[in-house]
Amino acid sequence: MRVILAGATGAIGRPLLAALSTAGHQVHALIRNPAHWQLVEDLGATPVIADVMDQDSLLSAAEGLTADAVLHQATALRTAKRTLGPDDPTNALREAGTRHLLAMARAVGARRFVTQSLITGYGYRDHGERPLTENDPFGEPVGSVGDLVAAGCVATERQVFAADGIDGIALRYGMFYGPNAFSDMFAGLLRKHFPIRPLGGAGSNCFIHVDDAAAATVAALARGRAGQAYNIVDDTPATWQEFIDAVAEAHRTPRPLSVPGWVIRLMVPYLGCLLVDTRLRASHAKATEQLGWTPTIPDLRTGLGLEGPAPDGGTAIAMGSS
């Protein structure tokens, strides 16, 4: 296929470019920064300079291009703030950015559109032990700052599912880990700030290595069904204690101190909702059945190159020392 990819230099974008090239797709990669030109070319794509948040820029870039599909992986997570508000740039990319990319898709004749969503769209709360499927309620407010994340996921999903003449598909990824992903970002926080951990346990979530996420996206491009969402997670949900222990071991970060969970919620409400209050398991059975995809990396420790059981320890969260 001829594919236009937004978010080509992000955590999933780089392995996705390589996976698309290996699968034989011809890719035009949207970039804002000309400094990324060579990186994109080295990964087998043709760079196109445009800003997803500027529809006129996208439509100008679309002149003379034709494509079969558009992939929306654009986020601003690398520049995320410690607080989350209504002006969050990643939510803007999921709301207005999706709208602009759909306009570009129509301009280039694309009939398929695959967008990035997240399993946290199921809600920042305790979901119990039952694995969530795509039939469970998605995007319902629970009364926390995490509702903003869920709303962003709903905004992009609704637009692509409703787009006339375009087969819209949403991929609800677990928490990304691997090179340049959330795990690397968290390790950097642990090094730069005074690390603390919630005392007496924490929540859990589902994770996905960026290489497996890229493979799932290529599978969805070929076999995803219009109007459908797919959970893209690995085989083994993990507690945040297990996540932080694995990141600390893999990156050799300082050991954290323990504090009550309410301190985390007070100082960083968004991360408190995610790390302390949310317990979430999700099933990738639908993606396996319909996309023919299964993760090749079953769990965090394997994906981070660690061997043996996790050492004893608590869940850490990086906070400023002042």
C-alpha atoms as a PDB file:
ATOM      1  CA  MET A   1       0.000   0.000   0.000  1.00  0.00           C
ATOM      2  CA  ARG A   2       0.884   3.650  -0.299  1.00  0.00           C
ATOM      3  CA  VAL A   3       0.759   4.947   3.277  1.00  0.00           C
ATOM      4  CA  ILE A   4       1.002   8.345   4.955  1.00  0.00           C
ATOM      5  CA  LEU A   5       2.269   8.129   8.548  1.00  0.00           C
ATOM      6  CA  ALA A   6       1.868  10.901  11.124  1.00  0.00           C
ATOM      7  CA  GLY A   7       4.063  10.559  14.201  1.00  0.00           C
ATOM      8  CA  ALA A   8       6.901   8.901  12.314  1.00  0.00           C
ATOM      9  CA  THR A   9       9.666   9.889  14.749  1.00  0.00           C
ATOM     10  CA  GLY A  10       7.895   8.949  17.992  1.00  0.00           C
ATOM     11  CA  ALA A  11       8.299   5.874  20.169  1.00  0.00           C
ATOM     12  CA  ILE A  12       6.169   3.661  17.939  1.00  0.00           C
ATOM     13  CA  GLY A  13       6.812   5.648  14.761  1.00  0.00           C
ATOM     14  CA  ARG A  14      10.402   4.534  14.295  1.00  0.00           C
ATOM     15  CA  PRO A  15       9.833   0.771  14.588  1.00  0.00           C
ATOM     16  CA  LEU A  16       6.628   1.206  12.598  1.00  0.00           C
ATOM     17  CA  LEU A  17       8.495   2.822   9.711  1.00  0.00           C
ATOM     18  CA  ALA A  18      10.893  -0.105   9.652  1.00  0.00           C
ATOM     19  CA  ALA A  19       8.039  -2.639   9.852  1.00  0.00           C
ATOM     20  CA  LEU A  20       6.087  -0.950   7.054  1.00  0.00           C
ATOM     21  CA  SER A  21       9.157  -0.893   4.829  1.00  0.00           C
ATOM     22  CA  THR A  22       9.871  -4.564   5.526  1.00  0.00           C
ATOM     23  CA  ALA A  23       6.263  -5.411   4.615  1.00  0.00           C
ATOM     24  CA  GLY A  24       6.700  -3.696   1.256  1.00  0.00           C
ATOM     25  CA  HIS A  25       4.569  -0.602   1.861  1.00  0.00           C
ATOM     26  CA  GLN A  26       5.540   2.744   0.327  1.00  0.00           C
ATOM     27  CA  VAL A  27       5.508   5.318   3.116  1.00  0.00           C
ATOM     28  CA  HIS A  28       5.394   9.103   3.194  1.00  0.00           C
ATOM     29  CA  ALA A  29       6.280  10.212   6.725  1.00  0.00           C
ATOM     30  CA  LEU A  30       4.969  13.536   8.026  1.00  0.00           C
ATOM     31  CA  ILE A  31       7.568  15.501   9.998  1.00  0.00           C
ATOM     32  CA  ARG A  32       7.541  19.007  11.430  1.00  0.00           C
ATOM     33  CA  ASN A  33      11.280  19.259  12.025  1.00  0.00           C
ATOM     34  CA  PRO A  34      13.504  19.137   8.920  1.00  0.00           C
ATOM     35  CA  ALA A  35      16.287  17.801  11.172  1.00  0.00           C
ATOM     36  CA  HIS A  36      14.466  14.433  11.122  1.00  0.00           C
ATOM     37  CA  TRP A  37      14.684  14.180   7.335  1.00  0.00           C
ATOM     38  CA  GLN A  38      17.663  11.822   7.256  1.00  0.00           C
ATOM     39  CA  LEU A  39      16.305   9.661  10.082  1.00  0.00           C
ATOM     40  CA  VAL A  40      13.083   9.073   8.165  1.00  0.00           C
ATOM     41  CA  GLU A  41      14.913   8.332   4.923  1.00  0.00           C
ATOM     42  CA  ASP A  42      17.203   5.875   6.701  1.00  0.00           C
ATOM     43  CA  LEU A  43      14.103   4.021   7.933  1.00  0.00           C
ATOM     44  CA  GLY A  44      12.856   3.600   4.375  1.00  0.00           C
ATOM     45  CA  ALA A  45      10.284   6.392   4.052  1.00  0.00           C
ATOM     46  CA  THR A  46       9.923   9.593   2.049  1.00  0.00           C
ATOM     47  CA  PRO A  47       9.795  12.650   4.350  1.00  0.00           C
ATOM     48  CA  VAL A  48       7.018  15.220   3.971  1.00  0.00           C
ATOM     49  CA  ILE A  49       7.281  18.408   6.015  1.00  0.00           C
ATOM     50  CA  ALA A  50       3.903  19.372   7.488  1.00  0.00           C
ATOM     51  CA  ASP A  51       2.256  20.138  10.831  1.00  0.00           C
ATOM     52  CA  VAL A  52      -0.635  17.866  11.847  1.00  0.00           C
ATOM     53  CA  MET A  53      -2.168  20.736  13.822  1.00  0.00           C
ATOM     54  CA  ASP A  54      -2.230  22.962  10.722  1.00  0.00           C
ATOM     55  CA  GLN A  55      -4.820  21.675   8.243  1.00  0.00           C
ATOM     56  CA  ASP A  56      -3.715  24.093   5.520  1.00  0.00           C
ATOM     57  CA  SER A  57      -0.148  22.797   5.914  1.00  0.00           C
ATOM     58  CA  LEU A  58      -1.364  19.216   5.541  1.00  0.00           C
ATOM     59  CA  LEU A  59      -3.485  19.948   2.495  1.00  0.00           C
ATOM     60  CA  SER A  60      -0.599  21.799   0.848  1.00  0.00           C
ATOM     61  CA  ALA A  61       1.656  18.821   1.540  1.00  0.00           C
ATOM     62  CA  ALA A  62      -1.010  16.527   0.054  1.00  0.00           C
ATOM     63  CA  GLU A  63      -0.858  18.209  -3.357  1.00  0.00           C
ATOM     64  CA  GLY A  64       0.418  15.693  -5.876  1.00  0.00           C
ATOM     65  CA  LEU A  65       0.285  12.779  -3.403  1.00  0.00           C
ATOM     66  CA  THR A  66      -1.936   9.727  -3.573  1.00  0.00           C
ATOM     67  CA  ALA A  67      -2.271   7.159  -0.808  1.00  0.00           C
ATOM     68  CA  ASP A  68      -4.295   4.118   0.154  1.00  0.00           C
ATOM     69  CA  ALA A  69      -4.144   4.665   3.910  1.00  0.00           C
ATOM     70  CA  VAL A  70      -3.282   7.158   6.648  1.00  0.00           C
ATOM     71  CA  LEU A  71      -1.822   6.101  10.002  1.00  0.00           C
ATOM     72  CA  HIS A  72      -2.257   8.524  12.914  1.00  0.00           C
ATOM     73  CA  GLN A  73       0.451   7.966  15.556  1.00  0.00           C
ATOM     74  CA  ALA A  74       1.110  11.630  16.375  1.00  0.00           C
ATOM     75  CA  THR A  75       1.409  12.511  20.074  1.00  0.00           C
ATOM     76  CA  ALA A  76       3.206  15.061  22.229  1.00  0.00           C
ATOM     77  CA  LEU A  77       4.071  12.631  25.034  1.00  0.00           C
ATOM     78  CA  ARG A  78       7.799  13.365  24.936  1.00  0.00           C
ATOM     79  CA  THR A  79       7.072  16.924  26.048  1.00  0.00           C
ATOM     80  CA  ALA A  80       4.276  16.026  28.485  1.00  0.00           C
ATOM     81  CA  LYS A  81       3.947  18.121  31.650  1.00  0.00           C
ATOM     82  CA  ARG A  82       3.682  16.791  35.200  1.00  0.00           C
ATOM     83  CA  THR A  83       0.087  18.018  35.289  1.00  0.00           C
ATOM     84  CA  LEU A  84      -2.697  17.256  32.831  1.00  0.00           C
ATOM     85  CA  GLY A  85      -5.178  19.895  31.730  1.00  0.00           C
ATOM     86  CA  PRO A  86      -7.797  20.568  29.057  1.00  0.00           C
ATOM     87  CA  ASP A  87      -5.110  22.130  26.845  1.00  0.00           C
ATOM     88  CA  ASP A  88      -3.042  18.914  26.738  1.00  0.00           C
ATOM     89  CA  PRO A  89      -1.299  18.867  23.315  1.00  0.00           C
ATOM     90  CA  THR A  90      -1.731  15.121  22.825  1.00  0.00           C
ATOM     91  CA  ASN A  91      -5.486  15.472  23.289  1.00  0.00           C
ATOM     92  CA  ALA A  92      -5.424  18.281  20.731  1.00  0.00           C
ATOM     93  CA  LEU A  93      -3.691  15.923  18.308  1.00  0.00           C
ATOM     94  CA  ARG A  94      -6.398  13.323  18.922  1.00  0.00           C
ATOM     95  CA  GLU A  95      -9.221  15.830  18.467  1.00  0.00           C
ATOM     96  CA  ALA A  96      -8.217  18.474  15.931  1.00  0.00           C
ATOM     97  CA  GLY A  97      -5.267  16.464  14.598  1.00  0.00           C
ATOM     98  CA  THR A  98      -7.528  13.559  13.670  1.00  0.00           C
ATOM     99  CA  ARG A  99      -9.898  15.954  11.914  1.00  0.00           C
ATOM    100  CA  HIS A 100      -7.045  17.461   9.921  1.00  0.00           C
ATOM    101  CA  LEU A 101      -5.598  14.084   8.960  1.00  0.00           C
ATOM    102  CA  LEU A 102      -9.005  12.873   7.807  1.00  0.00           C
ATOM    103  CA  ALA A 103      -9.170  15.910   5.529  1.00  0.00           C
ATOM    104  CA  MET A 104      -5.751  14.960   4.186  1.00  0.00           C
ATOM    105  CA  ALA A 105      -6.875  11.355   3.733  1.00  0.00           C
ATOM    106  CA  ARG A 106      -9.752  12.516   1.534  1.00  0.00           C
ATOM    107  CA  ALA A 107      -7.440  14.808  -0.432  1.00  0.00           C
ATOM    108  CA  VAL A 108      -5.052  11.963  -1.300  1.00  0.00           C
ATOM    109  CA  GLY A 109      -7.786   9.385  -1.932  1.00  0.00           C
ATOM    110  CA  ALA A 110      -7.047   7.184   1.077  1.00  0.00           C
ATOM    111  CA  ARG A 111      -9.780   4.696   1.950  1.00  0.00           C
ATOM    112  CA  ARG A 112      -8.297   3.379   5.228  1.00  0.00           C
ATOM    113  CA  PHE A 113      -7.411   5.230   8.412  1.00  0.00           C
ATOM    114  CA  VAL A 114      -5.777   3.636  11.462  1.00  0.00           C
ATOM    115  CA  THR A 115      -5.603   5.765  14.597  1.00  0.00           C
ATOM    116  CA  GLN A 116      -3.796   5.449  17.913  1.00  0.00           C
ATOM    117  CA  SER A 117      -5.989   5.011  20.968  1.00  0.00           C
ATOM    118  CA  LEU A 118      -5.138   3.679  24.445  1.00  0.00           C
ATOM    119  CA  ILE A 119      -6.478   1.048  26.823  1.00  0.00           C
ATOM    120  CA  THR A 120      -6.543   3.730  29.531  1.00  0.00           C
ATOM    121  CA  GLY A 121      -9.608   4.983  27.673  1.00  0.00           C
ATOM    122  CA  TYR A 122     -11.509   2.298  29.582  1.00  0.00           C
ATOM    123  CA  GLY A 123     -11.162   4.570  32.592  1.00  0.00           C
ATOM    124  CA  TYR A 124      -8.752   5.318  35.439  1.00  0.00           C
ATOM    125  CA  ARG A 125     -10.336   3.089  38.100  1.00  0.00           C
ATOM    126  CA  ASP A 126     -10.220  -0.418  39.516  1.00  0.00           C
ATOM    127  CA  HIS A 127     -11.641  -2.724  36.826  1.00  0.00           C
ATOM    128  CA  GLY A 128     -11.092  -5.887  38.842  1.00  0.00           C
ATOM    129  CA  GLU A 129      -9.541  -9.115  37.638  1.00  0.00           C
ATOM    130  CA  ARG A 130     -11.651  -9.769  34.535  1.00  0.00           C
ATOM    131  CA  PRO A 131      -9.773  -8.919  31.322  1.00  0.00           C
ATOM    132  CA  LEU A 132     -11.513  -6.116  29.447  1.00  0.00           C
ATOM    133  CA  THR A 133     -12.597  -6.664  25.863  1.00  0.00           C
ATOM    134  CA  GLU A 134     -13.567  -4.209  23.172  1.00  0.00           C
ATOM    135  CA  ASN A 135     -17.219  -4.782  24.125  1.00  0.00           C
ATOM    136  CA  ASP A 136     -16.715  -3.149  27.527  1.00  0.00           C
ATOM    137  CA  PRO A 137     -17.721   0.509  28.057  1.00  0.00           C
ATOM    138  CA  PHE A 138     -15.065   2.873  26.736  1.00  0.00           C
ATOM    139  CA  GLY A 139     -14.550   6.535  27.510  1.00  0.00           C
ATOM    140  CA  GLU A 140     -17.051   6.786  30.350  1.00  0.00           C
ATOM    141  CA  PRO A 141     -16.056   9.514  32.876  1.00  0.00           C
ATOM    142  CA  VAL A 142     -15.071   8.328  36.335  1.00  0.00           C
ATOM    143  CA  GLY A 143     -14.570  11.744  37.941  1.00  0.00           C
ATOM    144  CA  SER A 144     -10.768  12.020  37.865  1.00  0.00           C
ATOM    145  CA  VAL A 145      -8.203  13.922  35.835  1.00  0.00           C
ATOM    146  CA  GLY A 146      -7.745  10.721  33.834  1.00  0.00           C
ATOM    147  CA  ASP A 147     -11.088  11.478  32.173  1.00  0.00           C
ATOM    148  CA  LEU A 148      -9.171  13.868  29.924  1.00  0.00           C
ATOM    149  CA  VAL A 149      -7.140  10.993  28.498  1.00  0.00           C
ATOM    150  CA  ALA A 150     -10.244   8.902  27.922  1.00  0.00           C
ATOM    151  CA  ALA A 151     -11.955  11.833  26.211  1.00  0.00           C
ATOM    152  CA  GLY A 152      -9.028  12.203  23.827  1.00  0.00           C
ATOM    153  CA  CYS A 153      -9.223   8.526  22.895  1.00  0.00           C
ATOM    154  CA  VAL A 154     -12.960   8.784  22.294  1.00  0.00           C
ATOM    155  CA  ALA A 155     -12.463  11.899  20.156  1.00  0.00           C
ATOM    156  CA  THR A 156     -10.163  10.174  17.697  1.00  0.00           C
ATOM    157  CA  GLU A 157     -12.114   6.892  17.632  1.00  0.00           C
ATOM    158  CA  ARG A 158     -15.486   8.513  16.975  1.00  0.00           C
ATOM    159  CA  GLN A 159     -14.131  10.583  14.119  1.00  0.00           C
ATOM    160  CA  VAL A 160     -12.496   7.725  12.242  1.00  0.00           C
ATOM    161  CA  PHE A 161     -15.445   5.368  12.770  1.00  0.00           C
ATOM    162  CA  ALA A 162     -17.870   7.988  11.429  1.00  0.00           C
ATOM    163  CA  ALA A 163     -15.775   9.134   8.456  1.00  0.00           C
ATOM    164  CA  ASP A 164     -17.751   8.707   5.216  1.00  0.00           C
ATOM    165  CA  GLY A 165     -16.003   6.617   2.584  1.00  0.00           C
ATOM    166  CA  ILE A 166     -13.107   5.711   4.874  1.00  0.00           C
ATOM    167  CA  ASP A 167     -12.567   2.455   6.757  1.00  0.00           C
ATOM    168  CA  GLY A 168     -11.679   3.709  10.239  1.00  0.00           C
ATOM    169  CA  ILE A 169      -9.814   1.445  12.689  1.00  0.00           C
ATOM    170  CA  ALA A 170      -8.650   2.218  16.247  1.00  0.00           C
ATOM    171  CA  LEU A 171      -5.830   0.474  18.072  1.00  0.00           C
ATOM    172  CA  ARG A 172      -6.084   0.651  21.865  1.00  0.00           C
ATOM    173  CA  TYR A 173      -2.457   0.192  22.821  1.00  0.00           C
ATOM    174  CA  GLY A 174      -1.173  -0.747  26.241  1.00  0.00           C
ATOM    175  CA  MET A 175       1.540   1.365  27.832  1.00  0.00           C
ATOM    176  CA  PHE A 176       4.455   1.526  25.401  1.00  0.00           C
ATOM    177  CA  TYR A 177       7.853   0.343  26.578  1.00  0.00           C
ATOM    178  CA  GLY A 178      11.161  -0.191  24.826  1.00  0.00           C
ATOM    179  CA  PRO A 179      13.551   2.233  23.090  1.00  0.00           C
ATOM    180  CA  ASN A 180      12.409   5.885  23.253  1.00  0.00           C
ATOM    181  CA  ALA A 181       9.115   4.869  24.915  1.00  0.00           C
ATOM    182  CA  PHE A 182       7.439   5.346  28.302  1.00  0.00           C
ATOM    183  CA  SER A 183       9.944   3.068  30.060  1.00  0.00           C
ATOM    184  CA  ASP A 184      12.894   5.195  28.908  1.00  0.00           C
ATOM    185  CA  MET A 185      11.076   8.377  29.895  1.00  0.00           C
ATOM    186  CA  PHE A 186      10.334   6.987  33.353  1.00  0.00           C
ATOM    187  CA  ALA A 187      13.944   5.920  33.824  1.00  0.00           C
ATOM    188  CA  GLY A 188      15.021   9.462  32.998  1.00  0.00           C
ATOM    189  CA  LEU A 189      12.649  10.842  35.627  1.00  0.00           C
ATOM    190  CA  LEU A 190      14.049   8.478  38.233  1.00  0.00           C
ATOM    191  CA  ARG A 191      17.552   9.692  37.489  1.00  0.00           C
ATOM    192  CA  LYS A 192      16.760  13.396  37.438  1.00  0.00           C
ATOM    193  CA  HIS A 193      14.372  13.644  40.394  1.00  0.00           C
ATOM    194  CA  PHE A 194      14.108  12.317  43.899  1.00  0.00           C
ATOM    195  CA  PRO A 195      12.252   8.979  43.431  1.00  0.00           C
ATOM    196  CA  ILE A 196       9.444   7.917  45.730  1.00  0.00           C
ATOM    197  CA  ARG A 197       7.017   4.981  45.706  1.00  0.00           C
ATOM    198  CA  PRO A 198       3.453   4.501  46.974  1.00  0.00           C
ATOM    199  CA  LEU A 199       3.445   2.718  50.305  1.00  0.00           C
ATOM    200  CA  GLY A 200       1.467  -0.513  50.529  1.00  0.00           C
ATOM    201  CA  GLY A 201       0.869  -1.492  46.935  1.00  0.00           C
ATOM    202  CA  ALA A 202      -0.370   0.180  43.771  1.00  0.00           C
ATOM    203  CA  GLY A 203      -2.389  -0.365  40.631  1.00  0.00           C
ATOM    204  CA  SER A 204      -1.705  -2.371  37.514  1.00  0.00           C
ATOM    205  CA  ASN A 205      -1.933  -1.996  33.761  1.00  0.00           C
ATOM    206  CA  CYS A 206      -1.193  -3.677  30.441  1.00  0.00           C
ATOM    207  CA  PHE A 207       1.960  -3.022  28.457  1.00  0.00           C
ATOM    208  CA  ILE A 208       3.214  -3.532  24.925  1.00  0.00           C
ATOM    209  CA  HIS A 209       6.732  -3.423  23.492  1.00  0.00           C
ATOM    210  CA  VAL A 210       6.992  -0.898  20.670  1.00  0.00           C
ATOM    211  CA  ASP A 211       8.166  -3.588  18.224  1.00  0.00           C
ATOM    212  CA  ASP A 212       5.040  -5.655  18.888  1.00  0.00           C
ATOM    213  CA  ALA A 213       2.898  -2.510  18.666  1.00  0.00           C
ATOM    214  CA  ALA A 214       4.405  -1.778  15.254  1.00  0.00           C
ATOM    215  CA  ALA A 215       3.702  -5.320  14.052  1.00  0.00           C
ATOM    216  CA  ALA A 216       0.084  -5.044  15.216  1.00  0.00           C
ATOM    217  CA  THR A 217      -0.309  -1.766  13.330  1.00  0.00           C
ATOM    218  CA  VAL A 218       0.948  -3.303  10.096  1.00  0.00           C
ATOM    219  CA  ALA A 219      -1.490  -6.189  10.610  1.00  0.00           C
ATOM    220  CA  ALA A 220      -4.368  -3.741  11.216  1.00  0.00           C
ATOM    221  CA  LEU A 221      -3.464  -1.850   8.071  1.00  0.00           C
ATOM    222  CA  ALA A 222      -3.982  -5.019   6.041  1.00  0.00           C
ATOM    223  CA  ARG A 223      -6.707  -6.848   7.957  1.00  0.00           C
ATOM    224  CA  GLY A 224      -8.422  -4.438  10.353  1.00  0.00           C
ATOM    225  CA  ARG A 225     -12.184  -4.192   9.962  1.00  0.00           C
ATOM    226  CA  ALA A 226     -13.924  -0.875   9.424  1.00  0.00           C
ATOM    227  CA  GLY A 227     -15.441   0.634  12.552  1.00  0.00           C
ATOM    228  CA  GLN A 228     -13.584  -1.715  14.883  1.00  0.00           C
ATOM    229  CA  ALA A 229     -11.270  -1.128  17.846  1.00  0.00           C
ATOM    230  CA  TYR A 230      -8.591  -3.598  18.930  1.00  0.00           C
ATOM    231  CA  ASN A 231      -6.753  -3.989  22.235  1.00  0.00           C
ATOM    232  CA  ILE A 232      -3.016  -4.201  21.528  1.00  0.00           C
ATOM    233  CA  VAL A 233      -1.367  -5.549  24.690  1.00  0.00           C
ATOM    234  CA  ASP A 234       1.099  -8.247  25.646  1.00  0.00           C
ATOM    235  CA  ASP A 235       0.231 -11.513  27.389  1.00  0.00           C
ATOM    236  CA  THR A 236       1.073 -10.471  30.938  1.00  0.00           C
ATOM    237  CA  PRO A 237      -0.527  -7.517  32.762  1.00  0.00           C
ATOM    238  CA  ALA A 238       1.860  -6.071  35.354  1.00  0.00           C
ATOM    239  CA  THR A 239       1.609  -4.103  38.545  1.00  0.00           C
ATOM    240  CA  TRP A 240       3.334  -0.764  38.650  1.00  0.00           C
ATOM    241  CA  GLN A 241       5.640  -2.299  41.233  1.00  0.00           C
ATOM    242  CA  GLU A 242       6.732  -4.837  38.624  1.00  0.00           C
ATOM    243  CA  PHE A 243       7.064  -2.125  35.981  1.00  0.00           C
ATOM    244  CA  ILE A 244       9.210   0.154  38.119  1.00  0.00           C
ATOM    245  CA  ASP A 245      11.316  -2.720  39.422  1.00  0.00           C
ATOM    246  CA  ALA A 246      12.016  -3.820  35.860  1.00  0.00           C
ATOM    247  CA  VAL A 247      12.812  -0.292  34.669  1.00  0.00           C
ATOM    248  CA  ALA A 248      15.053   0.369  37.662  1.00  0.00           C
ATOM    249  CA  GLU A 249      16.906  -2.899  37.140  1.00  0.00           C
ATOM    250  CA  ALA A 250      17.293  -2.439  33.386  1.00  0.00           C
ATOM    251  CA  HIS A 251      18.387   1.214  33.638  1.00  0.00           C
ATOM    252  CA  ARG A 252      20.213   1.044  36.992  1.00  0.00           C
ATOM    253  CA  THR A 253      18.237   3.905  38.521  1.00  0.00           C
ATOM    254  CA  PRO A 254      18.280   4.873  42.235  1.00  0.00           C
ATOM    255  CA  ARG A 255      16.086   2.943  44.672  1.00  0.00           C
ATOM    256  CA  PRO A 256      13.000   4.922  45.734  1.00  0.00           C
ATOM    257  CA  LEU A 257      11.593   5.777  49.138  1.00  0.00           C
ATOM    258  CA  SER A 258       8.055   4.789  50.164  1.00  0.00           C
ATOM    259  CA  VAL A 259       5.283   7.332  50.863  1.00  0.00           C
ATOM    260  CA  PRO A 260       1.496   6.988  51.295  1.00  0.00           C
ATOM    261  CA  GLY A 261      -0.523   6.926  48.087  1.00  0.00           C
ATOM    262  CA  TRP A 262      -2.359  10.126  49.034  1.00  0.00           C
ATOM    263  CA  VAL A 263       0.942  11.992  48.793  1.00  0.00           C
ATOM    264  CA  ILE A 264       1.297  10.867  45.179  1.00  0.00           C
ATOM    265  CA  ARG A 265      -2.262  11.943  44.402  1.00  0.00           C
ATOM    266  CA  LEU A 266      -1.676  15.330  46.012  1.00  0.00           C
ATOM    267  CA  MET A 267       1.623  16.106  44.316  1.00  0.00           C
ATOM    268  CA  VAL A 268       0.956  14.594  40.866  1.00  0.00           C
ATOM    269  CA  PRO A 269      -2.801  13.938  40.523  1.00  0.00           C
ATOM    270  CA  TYR A 270      -2.612  12.435  37.035  1.00  0.00           C
ATOM    271  CA  LEU A 271       0.074   9.885  37.904  1.00  0.00           C
ATOM    272  CA  GLY A 272      -1.681   9.185  41.176  1.00  0.00           C
ATOM    273  CA  CYS A 273      -4.826   8.223  39.264  1.00  0.00           C
ATOM    274  CA  LEU A 274      -2.831   5.984  36.958  1.00  0.00           C
ATOM    275  CA  LEU A 275      -0.306   4.360  39.297  1.00  0.00           C
ATOM    276  CA  VAL A 276      -2.298   4.149  42.520  1.00  0.00           C
ATOM    277  CA  ASP A 277      -5.995   4.048  41.630  1.00  0.00           C
ATOM    278  CA  THR A 278      -6.140   2.179  38.309  1.00  0.00           C
ATOM    279  CA  ARG A 279      -6.194  -1.602  38.042  1.00  0.00           C
ATOM    280  CA  LEU A 280      -6.738  -2.742  34.474  1.00  0.00           C
ATOM    281  CA  ARG A 281      -6.363  -5.983  32.548  1.00  0.00           C
ATOM    282  CA  ALA A 282      -7.195  -6.267  28.851  1.00  0.00           C
ATOM    283  CA  SER A 283      -7.445  -9.089  26.343  1.00  0.00           C
ATOM    284  CA  HIS A 284      -5.886  -9.097  22.872  1.00  0.00           C
ATOM    285  CA  ALA A 285      -8.045 -12.049  21.735  1.00  0.00           C
ATOM    286  CA  LYS A 286      -9.925  -9.973  19.144  1.00  0.00           C
ATOM    287  CA  ALA A 287      -6.687  -8.701  17.582  1.00  0.00           C
ATOM    288  CA  THR A 288      -5.353 -12.254  17.495  1.00  0.00           C
ATOM    289  CA  GLU A 289      -8.505 -13.573  15.833  1.00  0.00           C
ATOM    290  CA  GLN A 290      -9.184 -10.799  13.324  1.00  0.00           C
ATOM    291  CA  LEU A 291      -5.711  -9.383  12.640  1.00  0.00           C
ATOM    292  CA  GLY A 292      -3.723 -12.602  12.920  1.00  0.00           C
ATOM    293  CA  TRP A 293      -1.437 -10.867  15.421  1.00  0.00           C
ATOM    294  CA  THR A 294       0.012 -12.085  18.696  1.00  0.00           C
ATOM    295  CA  PRO A 295       2.779 -10.399  20.714  1.00  0.00           C
ATOM    296  CA  THR A 296       6.205 -11.972  20.310  1.00  0.00           C
ATOM    297  CA  ILE A 297       7.374 -10.466  23.629  1.00  0.00           C
ATOM    298  CA  PRO A 298       5.182 -11.902  26.419  1.00  0.00           C
ATOM    299  CA  ASP A 299       6.083  -9.628  29.333  1.00  0.00           C
ATOM    300  CA  LEU A 300       7.985  -6.583  30.559  1.00  0.00           C
ATOM    301  CA  ARG A 301      11.048  -8.298  31.935  1.00  0.00           C
ATOM    302  CA  THR A 302      11.606 -10.235  28.731  1.00  0.00           C
ATOM    303  CA  GLY A 303      11.157  -7.085  26.661  1.00  0.00           C
ATOM    304  CA  LEU A 304      13.636  -5.147  28.791  1.00  0.00           C
ATOM    305  CA  GLY A 305      16.251  -7.891  28.470  1.00  0.00           C
ATOM    306  CA  LEU A 306      16.029  -9.065  32.091  1.00  0.00           C
ATOM    307  CA  GLU A 307      16.268 -12.623  33.325  1.00  0.00           C
ATOM    308  CA  GLY A 308      14.776 -14.324  36.370  1.00  0.00           C
ATOM    309  CA  PRO A 309      12.090 -13.122  38.781  1.00  0.00           C
ATOM    310  CA  ALA A 310      11.780  -9.493  39.762  1.00  0.00           C
ATOM    311  CA  PRO A 311      13.640  -8.442  42.916  1.00  0.00           C
ATOM    312  CA  ASP A 312      11.601  -7.405  45.946  1.00  0.00           C
ATOM    313  CA  GLY A 313      10.684  -3.747  46.019  1.00  0.00           C
ATOM    314  CA  GLY A 314       7.924  -1.195  45.816  1.00  0.00           C
ATOM    315  CA  THR A 315       6.501   0.938  43.099  1.00  0.00           C
ATOM    316  CA  ALA A 316       8.480   4.087  42.419  1.00  0.00           C
ATOM    317  CA  ILE A 317       7.384   7.407  41.048  1.00  0.00           C
ATOM    318  CA  ALA A 318       9.781  10.243  40.267  1.00  0.00           C
ATOM    319  CA  MET A 319       9.098  13.521  42.008  1.00  0.00           C
ATOM    320  CA  GLY A 320      10.976  16.790  42.258  1.00  0.00           C
ATOM    321  CA  SER A 321      13.252  16.993  45.285  1.00  0.00           C
ATOM    322  CA  SER A 322      12.163  20.482  46.279  1.00  0.00           C
END
